[in-house]
C-alpha atoms as a PDB file:
ATOM      1  CA  UNK A   1      -2.377  -0.730  15.936  1.00  0.00           C
ATOM      2  CA  UNK A   2      -4.414   1.821  17.735  1.00  0.00           C
ATOM      3  CA  UNK A   3      -7.698   3.378  16.653  1.00  0.00           C
ATOM      4  CA  UNK A   4      -7.349   5.346  13.493  1.00  0.00           C
ATOM      5  CA  UNK A   5      -9.305   8.086  15.539  1.00  0.00           C
ATOM      6  CA  UNK A   6      -6.139   8.577  17.661  1.00  0.00           C
ATOM      7  CA  UNK A   7      -3.318   8.499  14.980  1.00  0.00           C
ATOM      8  CA  UNK A   8      -2.447   8.877  11.511  1.00  0.00           C
ATOM      9  CA  UNK A   9      -1.590   5.655   9.539  1.00  0.00           C
ATOM     10  CA  UNK A  10       1.546   6.266   7.296  1.00  0.00           C
ATOM     11  CA  UNK A  11       2.041   3.991   4.169  1.00  0.00           C
ATOM     12  CA  UNK A  12       4.718   4.326   1.761  1.00  0.00           C
ATOM     13  CA  UNK A  13       4.243   2.263  -1.586  1.00  0.00           C
ATOM     14  CA  UNK A  14       7.617   1.941  -3.733  1.00  0.00           C
ATOM     15  CA  UNK A  15       8.648   0.376  -6.925  1.00  0.00           C
ATOM     16  CA  UNK A  16       9.516   1.223 -10.443  1.00  0.00           C
ATOM     17  CA  UNK A  17       7.449   2.992 -13.000  1.00  0.00           C
ATOM     18  CA  UNK A  18       4.971   0.636 -14.785  1.00  0.00           C
ATOM     19  CA  UNK A  19       4.619  -1.709 -11.749  1.00  0.00           C
ATOM     20  CA  UNK A  20       1.315   0.042 -10.661  1.00  0.00           C
ATOM     21  CA  UNK A  21       2.655   2.070  -7.735  1.00  0.00           C
ATOM     22  CA  UNK A  22       0.365   4.875  -8.444  1.00  0.00           C
ATOM     23  CA  UNK A  23      -2.472   2.624  -8.923  1.00  0.00           C
ATOM     24  CA  UNK A  24      -2.083   0.856  -5.723  1.00  0.00           C
ATOM     25  CA  UNK A  25      -1.988   4.187  -3.793  1.00  0.00           C
ATOM     26  CA  UNK A  26      -5.154   5.191  -5.527  1.00  0.00           C
ATOM     27  CA  UNK A  27      -6.844   2.177  -4.418  1.00  0.00           C
ATOM     28  CA  UNK A  28      -5.471   2.620  -0.825  1.00  0.00           C
ATOM     29  CA  UNK A  29      -6.427   6.155  -0.580  1.00  0.00           C
ATOM     30  CA  UNK A  30      -9.958   5.450  -2.182  1.00  0.00           C
ATOM     31  CA  UNK A  31     -10.486   2.424   0.313  1.00  0.00           C
ATOM     32  CA  UNK A  32      -9.582   4.658   3.353  1.00  0.00           C
ATOM     33  CA  UNK A  33     -11.774   7.464   2.254  1.00  0.00           C
ATOM     34  CA  UNK A  34     -14.700   5.058   1.706  1.00  0.00           C
ATOM     35  CA  UNK A  35     -14.100   4.000   5.391  1.00  0.00           C
ATOM     36  CA  UNK A  36     -14.577   7.513   6.580  1.00  0.00           C
ATOM     37  CA  UNK A  37     -10.895   8.527   7.168  1.00  0.00           C
ATOM     38  CA  UNK A  38      -9.313  11.864   6.243  1.00  0.00           C
ATOM     39  CA  UNK A  39      -6.914  11.108   3.548  1.00  0.00           C
ATOM     40  CA  UNK A  40      -3.764  12.731   1.974  1.00  0.00           C
ATOM     41  CA  UNK A  41      -1.648  11.300  -0.853  1.00  0.00           C
ATOM     42  CA  UNK A  42       1.894  12.364  -2.457  1.00  0.00           C
ATOM     43  CA  UNK A  43       3.922  11.127  -5.305  1.00  0.00           C
ATOM     44  CA  UNK A  44       7.611  11.071  -5.854  1.00  0.00           C
ATOM     45  CA  UNK A  45       8.510  10.214  -9.578  1.00  0.00           C
ATOM     46  CA  UNK A  46      12.180   9.272 -10.363  1.00  0.00           C
ATOM     47  CA  UNK A  47      14.090  10.088 -13.463  1.00  0.00           C
ATOM     48  CA  UNK A  48      12.103   7.984 -15.864  1.00  0.00           C
ATOM     49  CA  UNK A  49       8.405   7.575 -16.536  1.00  0.00           C
ATOM     50  CA  UNK A  50       8.716   3.887 -17.033  1.00  0.00           C
ATOM     51  CA  UNK A  51      11.119   1.899 -15.152  1.00  0.00           C
ATOM     52  CA  UNK A  52      12.429   4.611 -12.869  1.00  0.00           C
ATOM     53  CA  UNK A  53      11.916   4.618  -9.168  1.00  0.00           C
ATOM     54  CA  UNK A  54       8.635   6.030  -7.889  1.00  0.00           C
ATOM     55  CA  UNK A  55       7.111   6.196  -4.451  1.00  0.00           C
ATOM     56  CA  UNK A  56       3.845   7.383  -3.278  1.00  0.00           C
ATOM     57  CA  UNK A  57       2.783   8.369   0.279  1.00  0.00           C
ATOM     58  CA  UNK A  58      -0.703   7.685   1.570  1.00  0.00           C
ATOM     59  CA  UNK A  59      -1.779   8.883   5.059  1.00  0.00           C
ATOM     60  CA  UNK A  60      -4.973   8.644   6.756  1.00  0.00           C
ATOM     61  CA  UNK A  61      -6.688   9.037   9.852  1.00  0.00           C
ATOM     62  CA  UNK A  62      -9.250  11.357  11.755  1.00  0.00           C
ATOM     63  CA  UNK A  63      -7.319  14.334  10.623  1.00  0.00           C
ATOM     64  CA  UNK A  64      -4.258  14.497   8.463  1.00  0.00           C
ATOM     65  CA  UNK A  65      -2.510  17.666   7.712  1.00  0.00           C
ATOM     66  CA  UNK A  66       0.330  16.766   5.249  1.00  0.00           C
ATOM     67  CA  UNK A  67       0.201  14.486   2.444  1.00  0.00           C
ATOM     68  CA  UNK A  68       4.064  13.484   2.783  1.00  0.00           C
ATOM     69  CA  UNK A  69       5.038  10.734   5.343  1.00  0.00           C
ATOM     70  CA  UNK A  70       7.809  12.287   7.516  1.00  0.00           C
ATOM     71  CA  UNK A  71      11.360  10.676   7.313  1.00  0.00           C
ATOM     72  CA  UNK A  72      11.427   7.456   9.512  1.00  0.00           C
ATOM     73  CA  UNK A  73       7.729   7.423  10.278  1.00  0.00           C
ATOM     74  CA  UNK A  74       6.290   4.844   7.679  1.00  0.00           C
ATOM     75  CA  UNK A  75       4.138   2.501   9.583  1.00  0.00           C
ATOM     76  CA  UNK A  76       4.293   0.346   6.289  1.00  0.00           C
ATOM     77  CA  UNK A  77       6.422   0.216   3.442  1.00  0.00           C
ATOM     78  CA  UNK A  78       5.055  -1.835   0.724  1.00  0.00           C
ATOM     79  CA  UNK A  79       7.560  -2.478  -1.967  1.00  0.00           C
ATOM     80  CA  UNK A  80       6.650  -3.515  -5.473  1.00  0.00           C
ATOM     81  CA  UNK A  81      10.258  -4.484  -6.722  1.00  0.00           C
ATOM     82  CA  UNK A  82      12.867  -6.056  -4.251  1.00  0.00           C
ATOM     83  CA  UNK A  83      15.491  -3.835  -5.699  1.00  0.00           C
ATOM     84  CA  UNK A  84      13.736  -0.894  -3.977  1.00  0.00           C
ATOM     85  CA  UNK A  85      13.756  -2.162  -0.417  1.00  0.00           C
ATOM     86  CA  UNK A  86      16.934  -0.541   0.437  1.00  0.00           C
ATOM     87  CA  UNK A  87      16.540   2.796  -1.417  1.00  0.00           C
ATOM     88  CA  UNK A  88      13.299   3.160   0.638  1.00  0.00           C
ATOM     89  CA  UNK A  89      13.916   1.521   4.031  1.00  0.00           C
ATOM     90  CA  UNK A  90      14.777   4.811   5.464  1.00  0.00           C
ATOM     91  CA  UNK A  91      10.975   5.518   5.341  1.00  0.00           C
ATOM     92  CA  UNK A  92      10.222   2.940   7.823  1.00  0.00           C
ATOM     93  CA  UNK A  93       9.631   3.850  11.568  1.00  0.00           C
ATOM     94  CA  UNK A  94      12.238   2.268  13.726  1.00  0.00           C
ATOM     95  CA  UNK A  95      11.427   0.317  16.826  1.00  0.00           C
ATOM     96  CA  UNK A  96      11.495   2.606  19.667  1.00  0.00           C
ATOM     97  CA  UNK A  97      10.545   2.385  23.644  1.00  0.00           C
ATOM     98  CA  UNK A  98       6.987   1.250  23.652  1.00  0.00           C
ATOM     99  CA  UNK A  99       6.351   1.416  20.130  1.00  0.00           C
ATOM    100  CA  UNK A 100       7.010  -1.360  17.244  1.00  0.00           C
ATOM    101  CA  UNK A 101       8.997  -0.458  14.082  1.00  0.00           C
ATOM    102  CA  UNK A 102       7.362  -0.323  10.748  1.00  0.00           C
ATOM    103  CA  UNK A 103       6.444  -3.248   8.695  1.00  0.00           C
ATOM    104  CA  UNK A 104       7.903  -4.125   5.352  1.00  0.00           C
ATOM    105  CA  UNK A 105       5.811  -5.953   2.864  1.00  0.00           C
ATOM    106  CA  UNK A 106       7.356  -7.244  -0.265  1.00  0.00           C
ATOM    107  CA  UNK A 107       6.768  -9.387  -3.401  1.00  0.00           C
ATOM    108  CA  UNK A 108       8.181 -12.371  -1.624  1.00  0.00           C
ATOM    109  CA  UNK A 109       5.008 -12.309   0.456  1.00  0.00           C
ATOM    110  CA  UNK A 110       2.957 -13.676  -2.566  1.00  0.00           C
ATOM    111  CA  UNK A 111       3.441 -16.907  -4.525  1.00  0.00           C
ATOM    112  CA  UNK A 112       3.735 -15.738  -8.033  1.00  0.00           C
ATOM    113  CA  UNK A 113       2.512 -19.063  -9.490  1.00  0.00           C
ATOM    114  CA  UNK A 114      -0.893 -18.419  -7.634  1.00  0.00           C
ATOM    115  CA  UNK A 115      -1.504 -15.058  -8.965  1.00  0.00           C
ATOM    116  CA  UNK A 116      -4.202 -14.924 -11.700  1.00  0.00           C
ATOM    117  CA  UNK A 117      -2.004 -12.414 -13.563  1.00  0.00           C
ATOM    118  CA  UNK A 118       1.470 -11.459 -12.594  1.00  0.00           C
ATOM    119  CA  UNK A 119       0.704  -7.711 -13.223  1.00  0.00           C
ATOM    120  CA  UNK A 120      -1.781  -8.010 -10.253  1.00  0.00           C
ATOM    121  CA  UNK A 121       1.052  -8.225  -7.683  1.00  0.00           C
ATOM    122  CA  UNK A 122       0.263  -4.614  -6.467  1.00  0.00           C
ATOM    123  CA  UNK A 123      -3.211  -5.310  -5.811  1.00  0.00           C
ATOM    124  CA  UNK A 124      -2.179  -8.951  -4.157  1.00  0.00           C
ATOM    125  CA  UNK A 125       0.288  -6.942  -1.727  1.00  0.00           C
ATOM    126  CA  UNK A 126      -2.602  -4.514  -0.896  1.00  0.00           C
ATOM    127  CA  UNK A 127      -4.342  -7.523   0.091  1.00  0.00           C
ATOM    128  CA  UNK A 128      -1.635  -8.466   2.479  1.00  0.00           C
ATOM    129  CA  UNK A 129      -1.589  -4.994   3.817  1.00  0.00           C
ATOM    130  CA  UNK A 130      -5.384  -4.949   4.106  1.00  0.00           C
ATOM    131  CA  UNK A 131      -5.153  -7.294   7.106  1.00  0.00           C
ATOM    132  CA  UNK A 132      -3.194  -4.841   8.971  1.00  0.00           C
ATOM    133  CA  UNK A 133      -5.428  -1.640   8.394  1.00  0.00           C
ATOM    134  CA  UNK A 134      -8.616  -0.410   9.850  1.00  0.00           C
ATOM    135  CA  UNK A 135     -10.513  -0.621   6.509  1.00  0.00           C
ATOM    136  CA  UNK A 136     -13.419  -2.910   5.926  1.00  0.00           C
ATOM    137  CA  UNK A 137     -12.902  -5.460   3.257  1.00  0.00           C
ATOM    138  CA  UNK A 138     -15.823  -4.278   1.326  1.00  0.00           C
ATOM    139  CA  UNK A 139     -14.359  -0.759   1.070  1.00  0.00           C
ATOM    140  CA  UNK A 140     -11.186  -2.403  -0.653  1.00  0.00           C
ATOM    141  CA  UNK A 141     -13.171  -4.375  -3.037  1.00  0.00           C
ATOM    142  CA  UNK A 142     -15.435  -0.994  -3.929  1.00  0.00           C
ATOM    143  CA  UNK A 143     -12.020   0.867  -4.241  1.00  0.00           C
ATOM    144  CA  UNK A 144     -10.663  -1.943  -6.644  1.00  0.00           C
ATOM    145  CA  UNK A 145     -13.786  -1.697  -8.800  1.00  0.00           C
ATOM    146  CA  UNK A 146     -13.754   2.120  -9.015  1.00  0.00           C
ATOM    147  CA  UNK A 147     -10.081   2.501  -9.776  1.00  0.00           C
ATOM    148  CA  UNK A 148      -9.677  -0.148 -12.519  1.00  0.00           C
ATOM    149  CA  UNK A 149     -11.491  -0.916 -15.859  1.00  0.00           C
ATOM    150  CA  UNK A 150     -14.243  -3.615 -15.444  1.00  0.00           C
ATOM    151  CA  UNK A 151     -12.386  -6.139 -17.654  1.00  0.00           C
ATOM    152  CA  UNK A 152      -9.524  -6.183 -15.012  1.00  0.00           C
ATOM    153  CA  UNK A 153     -12.061  -6.536 -12.031  1.00  0.00           C
ATOM    154  CA  UNK A 154     -12.141 -10.112 -11.661  1.00  0.00           C
ATOM    155  CA  UNK A 155      -8.359 -10.790 -11.821  1.00  0.00           C
ATOM    156  CA  UNK A 156      -7.511  -8.113  -9.234  1.00  0.00           C
ATOM    157  CA  UNK A 157     -10.384  -9.054  -6.799  1.00  0.00           C
ATOM    158  CA  UNK A 158      -8.828 -12.578  -7.015  1.00  0.00           C
ATOM    159  CA  UNK A 159      -5.252 -11.194  -6.410  1.00  0.00           C
ATOM    160  CA  UNK A 160      -6.448  -9.161  -3.430  1.00  0.00           C
ATOM    161  CA  UNK A 161      -8.244 -12.128  -1.903  1.00  0.00           C
ATOM    162  CA  UNK A 162      -5.060 -14.188  -2.524  1.00  0.00           C
ATOM    163  CA  UNK A 163      -2.923 -11.538  -0.555  1.00  0.00           C
ATOM    164  CA  UNK A 164      -5.624 -10.932   2.217  1.00  0.00           C
ATOM    165  CA  UNK A 165      -5.473 -14.784   2.795  1.00  0.00           C
ATOM    166  CA  UNK A 166      -1.620 -14.755   2.907  1.00  0.00           C
ATOM    167  CA  UNK A 167      -0.189 -14.734   6.410  1.00  0.00           C
ATOM    168  CA  UNK A 168       2.162 -12.045   6.844  1.00  0.00           C
ATOM    169  CA  UNK A 169       4.320 -11.332  10.125  1.00  0.00           C
END
């Protein structure tokens, strides 16, 4: 990926209500901000507060003008529920001349048995994503601590480290 000074990074996080989509996008936006990026964020809620489809757009770079990721321009689509891949695939940037397509990150990237708590899959997937973004690991850890209650810090920092150590194509 080019330097964030020359482009905007577009990330869409999607899943179902109650899976931590909004918390994951808060952590990502906070980590990007702590790394000196201009950050914008937007959310789209489905029909139901819990259990309905939800997506959150996070855009960051030297200068971001709009919070919404344009259709077909997501560099990364992070999906917390496998059944949300197809309804959200249209967000991904297609492969074009001289530019790679966007990357899909799904729960299959993480071994659920290795998670300290299965509810931390959202933070574990942020760990997978973190290897591909121009954001320092310390900024990620600080953002996790800032966005979660202290009693959840250890479990989520462990989940993030697990995701960060997981190889992803």
